PDB file of all heavy atoms in Angstrom:
ATOM      1  N   GLU A   1       0.055   6.442   0.500  1.00  0.00           N
ATOM      2  CA  GLU A   1      -0.745   7.657   0.284  1.00  0.00           C
ATOM      3  C   GLU A   1      -2.195   7.305  -0.065  1.00  0.00           C
ATOM      4  O   GLU A   1      -3.132   7.943   0.425  1.00  0.00           O
ATOM      5  CB  GLU A   1      -0.122   8.498  -0.843  1.00  0.00           C
ATOM      6  CG  GLU A   1       1.172   9.179  -0.411  1.00  0.00           C
ATOM      7  CD  GLU A   1       1.866   9.920  -1.544  1.00  0.00           C
ATOM      8  OE1 GLU A   1       1.709   9.518  -2.714  1.00  0.00           O
ATOM      9  OE2 GLU A   1       2.582  10.892  -1.245  1.00  0.00           O
ATOM     10  N   GLN A   2      -2.383   6.276  -0.900  1.00  0.00           N
ATOM     11  CA  GLN A   2      -3.738   5.905  -1.297  1.00  0.00           C
ATOM     12  C   GLN A   2      -4.519   5.304  -0.127  1.00  0.00           C
ATOM     13  O   GLN A   2      -5.724   5.514   0.003  1.00  0.00           O
ATOM     14  CB  GLN A   2      -3.681   4.932  -2.480  1.00  0.00           C
ATOM     15  CG  GLN A   2      -3.208   5.625  -3.751  1.00  0.00           C
ATOM     16  CD  GLN A   2      -3.379   4.774  -4.983  1.00  0.00           C
ATOM     17  OE1 GLN A   2      -3.821   3.641  -4.910  1.00  0.00           O
ATOM     18  NE2 GLN A   2      -3.027   5.327  -6.141  1.00  0.00           N
ATOM     19  N   HIS A   3      -3.832   4.578   0.739  1.00  0.00           N
ATOM     20  CA  HIS A   3      -4.502   4.014   1.915  1.00  0.00           C
ATOM     21  C   HIS A   3      -4.997   5.133   2.834  1.00  0.00           C
ATOM     22  O   HIS A   3      -6.138   5.098   3.312  1.00  0.00           O
ATOM     23  CB  HIS A   3      -3.546   3.097   2.684  1.00  0.00           C
ATOM     24  CG  HIS A   3      -4.144   2.520   3.927  1.00  0.00           C
ATOM     25  ND1 HIS A   3      -5.167   1.582   3.895  1.00  0.00           N
ATOM     26  CD2 HIS A   3      -3.899   2.763   5.253  1.00  0.00           C
ATOM     27  CE1 HIS A   3      -5.511   1.264   5.136  1.00  0.00           C
ATOM     28  NE2 HIS A   3      -4.756   1.966   5.971  1.00  0.00           N
ATOM     29  N   LEU A   4      -4.153   6.144   3.063  1.00  0.00           N
ATOM     30  CA  LEU A   4      -4.561   7.272   3.905  1.00  0.00           C
ATOM     31  C   LEU A   4      -5.732   8.021   3.258  1.00  0.00           C
ATOM     32  O   LEU A   4      -6.694   8.402   3.934  1.00  0.00           O
ATOM     33  CB  LEU A   4      -3.387   8.231   4.135  1.00  0.00           C
ATOM     34  CG  LEU A   4      -3.717   9.506   4.928  1.00  0.00           C
ATOM     35  CD1 LEU A   4      -4.246   9.170   6.324  1.00  0.00           C
ATOM     36  CD2 LEU A   4      -2.495  10.420   5.027  1.00  0.00           C
ATOM     37  N   ALA A   5      -5.640   8.219   1.948  1.00  0.00           N
ATOM     38  CA  ALA A   5      -6.719   8.920   1.232  1.00  0.00           C
ATOM     39  C   ALA A   5      -8.046   8.189   1.405  1.00  0.00           C
ATOM     40  O   ALA A   5      -9.098   8.813   1.614  1.00  0.00           O
ATOM     41  CB  ALA A   5      -6.366   9.051  -0.250  1.00  0.00           C
ATOM     42  N   SER A   6      -8.003   6.858   1.348  1.00  0.00           N
ATOM     43  CA  SER A   6      -9.245   6.083   1.501  1.00  0.00           C
ATOM     44  C   SER A   6      -9.800   6.213   2.916  1.00  0.00           C
ATOM     45  O   SER A   6     -11.009   6.267   3.120  1.00  0.00           O
ATOM     46  CB  SER A   6      -9.009   4.607   1.143  1.00  0.00           C
ATOM     47  OG  SER A   6      -8.181   3.990   2.103  1.00  0.00           O
ATOM     48  N   LEU A   7      -8.891   6.280   3.928  1.00  0.00           N
ATOM     49  CA  LEU A   7      -9.338   6.467   5.318  1.00  0.00           C
ATOM     50  C   LEU A   7      -9.972   7.842   5.508  1.00  0.00           C
ATOM     51  O   LEU A   7     -10.856   8.025   6.355  1.00  0.00           O
ATOM     52  CB  LEU A   7      -8.157   6.307   6.293  1.00  0.00           C
ATOM     53  CG  LEU A   7      -7.554   4.910   6.454  1.00  0.00           C
ATOM     54  CD1 LEU A   7      -6.381   4.951   7.434  1.00  0.00           C
ATOM     55  CD2 LEU A   7      -8.594   3.908   6.932  1.00  0.00           C
ATOM     56  N   GLU A   8      -9.501   8.810   4.717  1.00  0.00           N
ATOM     57  CA  GLU A   8     -10.036  10.171   4.812  1.00  0.00           C
ATOM     58  C   GLU A   8     -11.294  10.352   3.971  1.00  0.00           C
ATOM     59  O   GLU A   8     -11.846  11.451   3.886  1.00  0.00           O
ATOM     60  CB  GLU A   8      -8.958  11.180   4.384  1.00  0.00           C
ATOM     61  CG  GLU A   8      -7.795  11.262   5.365  1.00  0.00           C
ATOM     62  CD  GLU A   8      -6.663  12.167   4.901  1.00  0.00           C
ATOM     63  OE1 GLU A   8      -6.499  12.341   3.668  1.00  0.00           O
ATOM     64  OE2 GLU A   8      -5.946  12.699   5.761  1.00  0.00           O
ATOM     65  N   GLY A   9     -11.731   9.257   3.336  1.00  0.00           N
ATOM     66  CA  GLY A   9     -12.974   9.303   2.563  1.00  0.00           C
ATOM     67  C   GLY A   9     -12.816   9.890   1.182  1.00  0.00           C
ATOM     68  O   GLY A   9     -13.797  10.232   0.521  1.00  0.00           O
ATOM     69  N   LYS A  10     -11.606  10.010   0.710  1.00  0.00           N
ATOM     70  CA  LYS A  10     -11.385  10.557  -0.634  1.00  0.00           C
ATOM     71  C   LYS A  10     -11.489   9.440  -1.663  1.00  0.00           C
ATOM     72  O   LYS A  10     -11.137   8.291  -1.383  1.00  0.00           O
ATOM     73  CB  LYS A  10      -9.992  11.205  -0.726  1.00  0.00           C
ATOM     74  CG  LYS A  10      -9.830  12.407   0.200  1.00  0.00           C
ATOM     75  CD  LYS A  10      -8.381  12.893   0.189  1.00  0.00           C
ATOM     76  CE  LYS A  10      -8.195  14.038   1.181  1.00  0.00           C
ATOM     77  NZ  LYS A  10      -6.780  14.408   1.333  1.00  0.00           N
ATOM     78  N   LYS A  11     -11.960   9.806  -2.834  1.00  0.00           N
ATOM     79  CA  LYS A  11     -12.047   8.815  -3.911  1.00  0.00           C
ATOM     80  C   LYS A  11     -10.646   8.546  -4.441  1.00  0.00           C
ATOM     81  O   LYS A  11      -9.931   9.455  -4.824  1.00  0.00           O
ATOM     82  CB  LYS A  11     -12.946   9.326  -5.039  1.00  0.00           C
ATOM     83  CG  LYS A  11     -14.425   9.321  -4.670  1.00  0.00           C
ATOM     84  CD  LYS A  11     -15.281   9.729  -5.850  1.00  0.00           C
ATOM     85  CE  LYS A  11     -16.758   9.679  -5.456  1.00  0.00           C
ATOM     86  NZ  LYS A  11     -17.627  10.124  -6.566  1.00  0.00           N
ATOM     87  N   THR A  12     -10.272   7.299  -4.433  1.00  0.00           N
ATOM     88  CA  THR A  12      -8.915   6.957  -4.855  1.00  0.00           C
ATOM     89  C   THR A  12      -8.880   5.543  -5.394  1.00  0.00           C
ATOM     90  O   THR A  12      -9.750   4.716  -5.067  1.00  0.00           O
ATOM     91  CB  THR A  12      -7.923   7.084  -3.677  1.00  0.00           C
ATOM     92  OG1 THR A  12      -6.634   6.673  -4.112  1.00  0.00           O
ATOM     93  CG2 THR A  12      -8.326   6.220  -2.501  1.00  0.00           C
ATOM     94  N   LYS A  13      -7.881   5.258  -6.190  1.00  0.00           N
ATOM     95  CA  LYS A  13      -7.675   3.893  -6.684  1.00  0.00           C
ATOM     96  C   LYS A  13      -6.995   3.100  -5.563  1.00  0.00           C
ATOM     97  O   LYS A  13      -5.813   3.279  -5.291  1.00  0.00           O
ATOM     98  CB  LYS A  13      -6.777   3.933  -7.930  1.00  0.00           C
ATOM     99  CG  LYS A  13      -6.456   2.558  -8.518  1.00  0.00           C
ATOM    100  CD  LYS A  13      -5.318   2.640  -9.522  1.00  0.00           C
ATOM    101  CE  LYS A  13      -3.986   2.669  -8.827  1.00  0.00           C
ATOM    102  NZ  LYS A  13      -2.836   2.632  -9.755  1.00  0.00           N
ATOM    103  N   GLU A  14      -7.759   2.269  -4.891  1.00  0.00           N
ATOM    104  CA  GLU A  14      -7.223   1.493  -3.769  1.00  0.00           C
ATOM    105  C   GLU A  14      -6.464   0.282  -4.314  1.00  0.00           C
ATOM    106  O   GLU A  14      -6.930  -0.399  -5.232  1.00  0.00           O
ATOM    107  CB  GLU A  14      -8.375   1.034  -2.860  1.00  0.00           C
ATOM    108  CG  GLU A  14      -7.929   0.215  -1.657  1.00  0.00           C
ATOM    109  CD  GLU A  14      -7.092   1.015  -0.668  1.00  0.00           C
ATOM    110  OE1 GLU A  14      -7.474   2.142  -0.303  1.00  0.00           O
ATOM    111  OE2 GLU A  14      -6.033   0.502  -0.269  1.00  0.00           O
ATOM    112  N   PHE A  15      -5.304   0.021  -3.759  1.00  0.00           N
ATOM    113  CA  PHE A  15      -4.529  -1.169  -4.137  1.00  0.00           C
ATOM    114  C   PHE A  15      -5.299  -2.413  -3.689  1.00  0.00           C
ATOM    115  O   PHE A  15      -5.934  -2.413  -2.636  1.00  0.00           O
ATOM    116  CB  PHE A  15      -3.178  -1.158  -3.417  1.00  0.00           C
ATOM    117  CG  PHE A  15      -2.089  -0.411  -4.142  1.00  0.00           C
ATOM    118  CD1 PHE A  15      -2.288   0.896  -4.595  1.00  0.00           C
ATOM    119  CD2 PHE A  15      -0.869  -1.002  -4.369  1.00  0.00           C
ATOM    120  CE1 PHE A  15      -1.294   1.585  -5.247  1.00  0.00           C
ATOM    121  CE2 PHE A  15       0.147  -0.324  -5.032  1.00  0.00           C
ATOM    122  CZ  PHE A  15      -0.062   0.973  -5.470  1.00  0.00           C
ATOM    123  N   SER A  16      -5.221  -3.480  -4.456  1.00  0.00           N
ATOM    124  CA  SER A  16      -5.820  -4.738  -3.993  1.00  0.00           C
ATOM    125  C   SER A  16      -5.002  -5.243  -2.811  1.00  0.00           C
ATOM    126  O   SER A  16      -3.826  -4.898  -2.653  1.00  0.00           O
ATOM    127  CB  SER A  16      -5.807  -5.780  -5.114  1.00  0.00           C
ATOM    128  OG  SER A  16      -4.470  -6.203  -5.359  1.00  0.00           O
ATOM    129  N   ALA A  17      -5.621  -6.060  -1.971  1.00  0.00           N
ATOM    130  CA  ALA A  17      -4.942  -6.578  -0.775  1.00  0.00           C
ATOM    131  C   ALA A  17      -3.671  -7.332  -1.170  1.00  0.00           C
ATOM    132  O   ALA A  17      -2.622  -7.194  -0.537  1.00  0.00           O
ATOM    133  CB  ALA A  17      -5.887  -7.483   0.000  1.00  0.00           C
ATOM    134  N   ALA A  18      -3.773  -8.123  -2.241  1.00  0.00           N
ATOM    135  CA  ALA A  18      -2.614  -8.919  -2.684  1.00  0.00           C
ATOM    136  C   ALA A  18      -1.498  -8.007  -3.192  1.00  0.00           C
ATOM    137  O   ALA A  18      -0.311  -8.199  -2.870  1.00  0.00           O
ATOM    138  CB  ALA A  18      -3.035  -9.888  -3.777  1.00  0.00           C
ATOM    139  N   ASN A  19      -1.891  -6.993  -3.970  1.00  0.00           N
ATOM    140  CA  ASN A  19      -0.917  -6.044  -4.526  1.00  0.00           C
ATOM    141  C   ASN A  19      -0.223  -5.278  -3.401  1.00  0.00           C
ATOM    142  O   ASN A  19       0.998  -5.078  -3.421  1.00  0.00           O
ATOM    143  CB  ASN A  19      -1.645  -5.083  -5.473  1.00  0.00           C
ATOM    144  CG  ASN A  19      -0.678  -4.359  -6.400  1.00  0.00           C
ATOM    145  OD1 ASN A  19       0.518  -4.403  -6.198  1.00  0.00           O
ATOM    146  ND2 ASN A  19      -1.230  -3.698  -7.408  1.00  0.00           N
ATOM    147  N   ARG A  20      -1.036  -4.853  -2.423  1.00  0.00           N
ATOM    148  CA  ARG A  20      -0.493  -4.101  -1.287  1.00  0.00           C
ATOM    149  C   ARG A  20       0.482  -4.956  -0.482  1.00  0.00           C
ATOM    150  O   ARG A  20       1.542  -4.496  -0.078  1.00  0.00           O
ATOM    151  CB  ARG A  20      -1.659  -3.645  -0.407  1.00  0.00           C
ATOM    152  CG  ARG A  20      -1.283  -2.589   0.598  1.00  0.00           C
ATOM    153  CD  ARG A  20      -2.518  -2.036   1.264  1.00  0.00           C
ATOM    154  NE  ARG A  20      -3.102  -2.989   2.207  1.00  0.00           N
ATOM    155  CZ  ARG A  20      -4.253  -2.791   2.847  1.00  0.00           C
ATOM    156  NH1 ARG A  20      -4.964  -1.706   2.603  1.00  0.00           N
ATOM    157  NH2 ARG A  20      -4.716  -3.674   3.699  1.00  0.00           N
ATOM    158  N   ALA A  21       0.118  -6.212  -0.262  1.00  0.00           N
ATOM    159  CA  ALA A  21       0.975  -7.128   0.515  1.00  0.00           C
ATOM    160  C   ALA A  21       2.318  -7.335  -0.190  1.00  0.00           C
ATOM    161  O   ALA A  21       3.376  -7.350   0.444  1.00  0.00           O
ATOM    162  CB  ALA A  21       0.267  -8.455   0.719  1.00  0.00           C
ATOM    163  N   THR A  22       2.255  -7.480  -1.518  1.00  0.00           N
ATOM    164  CA  THR A  22       3.489  -7.679  -2.295  1.00  0.00           C
ATOM    165  C   THR A  22       4.377  -6.439  -2.235  1.00  0.00           C
ATOM    166  O   THR A  22       5.600  -6.532  -2.035  1.00  0.00           O
ATOM    167  CB  THR A  22       3.148  -7.992  -3.766  1.00  0.00           C
ATOM    168  OG1 THR A  22       2.324  -9.156  -3.807  1.00  0.00           O
ATOM    169  CG2 THR A  22       4.406  -8.230  -4.584  1.00  0.00           C
ATOM    170  N   THR A  23       3.750  -5.270  -2.397  1.00  0.00           N
ATOM    171  CA  THR A  23       4.490  -3.994  -2.351  1.00  0.00           C
ATOM    172  C   THR A  23       5.164  -3.814  -0.998  1.00  0.00           C
ATOM    173  O   THR A  23       6.342  -3.446  -0.915  1.00  0.00           O
ATOM    174  CB  THR A  23       3.526  -2.815  -2.624  1.00  0.00           C
ATOM    175  OG1 THR A  23       2.921  -2.995  -3.890  1.00  0.00           O
ATOM    176  CG2 THR A  23       4.275  -1.490  -2.603  1.00  0.00           C
ATOM    177  N   LEU A  24       4.403  -4.104   0.066  1.00  0.00           N
ATOM    178  CA  LEU A  24       4.946  -3.960   1.420  1.00  0.00           C
ATOM    179  C   LEU A  24       6.080  -4.950   1.656  1.00  0.00           C
ATOM    180  O   LEU A  24       7.127  -4.594   2.207  1.00  0.00           O
ATOM    181  CB  LEU A  24       3.828  -4.173   2.452  1.00  0.00           C
ATOM    182  CG  LEU A  24       4.227  -4.030   3.921  1.00  0.00           C
ATOM    183  CD1 LEU A  24       4.767  -2.628   4.214  1.00  0.00           C
ATOM    184  CD2 LEU A  24       3.044  -4.326   4.842  1.00  0.00           C
ATOM    185  N   SER A  25       5.882  -6.178   1.214  1.00  0.00           N
ATOM    186  CA  SER A  25       6.904  -7.222   1.400  1.00  0.00           C
ATOM    187  C   SER A  25       8.211  -6.849   0.685  1.00  0.00           C
ATOM    188  O   SER A  25       9.301  -6.995   1.238  1.00  0.00           O
ATOM    189  CB  SER A  25       6.378  -8.554   0.871  1.00  0.00           C
ATOM    190  OG  SER A  25       7.378  -9.529   0.920  1.00  0.00           O
ATOM    191  N   ASN A  26       8.093  -6.328  -0.539  1.00  0.00           N
ATOM    192  CA  ASN A  26       9.279  -5.913  -1.300  1.00  0.00           C
ATOM    193  C   ASN A  26      10.007  -4.760  -0.606  1.00  0.00           C
ATOM    194  O   ASN A  26      11.238  -4.716  -0.556  1.00  0.00           O
ATOM    195  CB  ASN A  26       8.882  -5.481  -2.717  1.00  0.00           C
ATOM    196  CG  ASN A  26       8.453  -6.655  -3.578  1.00  0.00           C
ATOM    197  OD1 ASN A  26       8.766  -7.798  -3.251  1.00  0.00           O
ATOM    198  ND2 ASN A  26       7.726  -6.387  -4.655  1.00  0.00           N
ATOM    199  N   ALA A  27       9.203  -3.829  -0.071  1.00  0.00           N
ATOM    200  CA  ALA A  27       9.794  -2.664   0.599  1.00  0.00           C
ATOM    201  C   ALA A  27      10.543  -3.084   1.860  1.00  0.00           C
ATOM    202  O   ALA A  27      11.672  -2.643   2.108  1.00  0.00           O
ATOM    203  CB  ALA A  27       8.698  -1.663   0.945  1.00  0.00           C
ATOM    204  N   VAL A  28       9.912  -3.938   2.653  1.00  0.00           N
ATOM    205  CA  VAL A  28      10.540  -4.406   3.892  1.00  0.00           C
ATOM    206  C   VAL A  28      11.820  -5.177   3.576  1.00  0.00           C
ATOM    207  O   VAL A  28      12.842  -5.042   4.252  1.00  0.00           O
ATOM    208  CB  VAL A  28       9.557  -5.270   4.722  1.00  0.00           C
ATOM    209  CG1 VAL A  28      10.272  -6.021   5.835  1.00  0.00           C
ATOM    210  CG2 VAL A  28       8.448  -4.392   5.306  1.00  0.00           C
ATOM    211  N   SER A  29      11.772  -5.979   2.512  1.00  0.00           N
ATOM    212  CA  SER A  29      12.961  -6.743   2.100  1.00  0.00           C
ATOM    213  C   SER A  29      14.105  -5.804   1.704  1.00  0.00           C
ATOM    214  O   SER A  29      15.263  -6.018   2.096  1.00  0.00           O
ATOM    215  CB  SER A  29      12.584  -7.647   0.925  1.00  0.00           C
ATOM    216  OG  SER A  29      13.723  -8.318   0.454  1.00  0.00           O
ATOM    217  N   THR A  30      13.766  -4.742   0.960  1.00  0.00           N
ATOM    218  CA  THR A  30      14.782  -3.768   0.532  1.00  0.00           C
ATOM    219  C   THR A  30      15.411  -3.076   1.743  1.00  0.00           C
ATOM    220  O   THR A  30      16.641  -2.958   1.842  1.00  0.00           O
ATOM    221  CB  THR A  30      14.153  -2.701  -0.396  1.00  0.00           C
ATOM    222  OG1 THR A  30      13.602  -3.355  -1.537  1.00  0.00           O
ATOM    223  CG2 THR A  30      15.186  -1.693  -0.854  1.00  0.00           C
ATOM    224  N   LEU A  31      14.562  -2.622   2.678  1.00  0.00           N
ATOM    225  CA  LEU A  31      15.076  -1.923   3.861  1.00  0.00           C
ATOM    226  C   LEU A  31      15.842  -2.881   4.781  1.00  0.00           C
ATOM    227  O   LEU A  31      16.784  -2.475   5.456  1.00  0.00           O
ATOM    228  CB  LEU A  31      13.931  -1.242   4.616  1.00  0.00           C
ATOM    229  CG  LEU A  31      13.255  -0.083   3.871  1.00  0.00           C
ATOM    230  CD1 LEU A  31      12.095   0.481   4.673  1.00  0.00           C
ATOM    231  CD2 LEU A  31      14.259   1.031   3.567  1.00  0.00           C
ATOM    232  N   SER A  32      15.433  -4.141   4.792  1.00  0.00           N
ATOM    233  CA  SER A  32      16.165  -5.141   5.584  1.00  0.00           C
ATOM    234  C   SER A  32      17.569  -5.340   5.029  1.00  0.00           C
ATOM    235  O   SER A  32      18.539  -5.508   5.776  1.00  0.00           O
ATOM    236  CB  SER A  32      15.414  -6.480   5.607  1.00  0.00           C
ATOM    237  OG  SER A  32      14.188  -6.341   6.281  1.00  0.00           O
ATOM    238  N   ASN A  33      17.685  -5.310   3.692  1.00  0.00           N
ATOM    239  CA  ASN A  33      19.015  -5.417   3.065  1.00  0.00           C
ATOM    240  C   ASN A  33      19.887  -4.219   3.430  1.00  0.00           C
ATOM    241  O   ASN A  33      21.084  -4.364   3.682  1.00  0.00           O
ATOM    242  CB  ASN A  33      18.881  -5.517   1.539  1.00  0.00           C
ATOM    243  CG  ASN A  33      18.345  -6.863   1.096  1.00  0.00           C
ATOM    244  OD1 ASN A  33      18.431  -7.840   1.833  1.00  0.00           O
ATOM    245  ND2 ASN A  33      17.768  -6.922  -0.091  1.00  0.00           N
TER     246      ASN A  33
END
């Protein structure tokens, strides 16, 4: 949601690249299980 908000030019707390990568990796791992 925050990534989309930033693309739409809204002021938002953007996740750091490292934080985002970790979040995505954990999510993919969960769905893979």
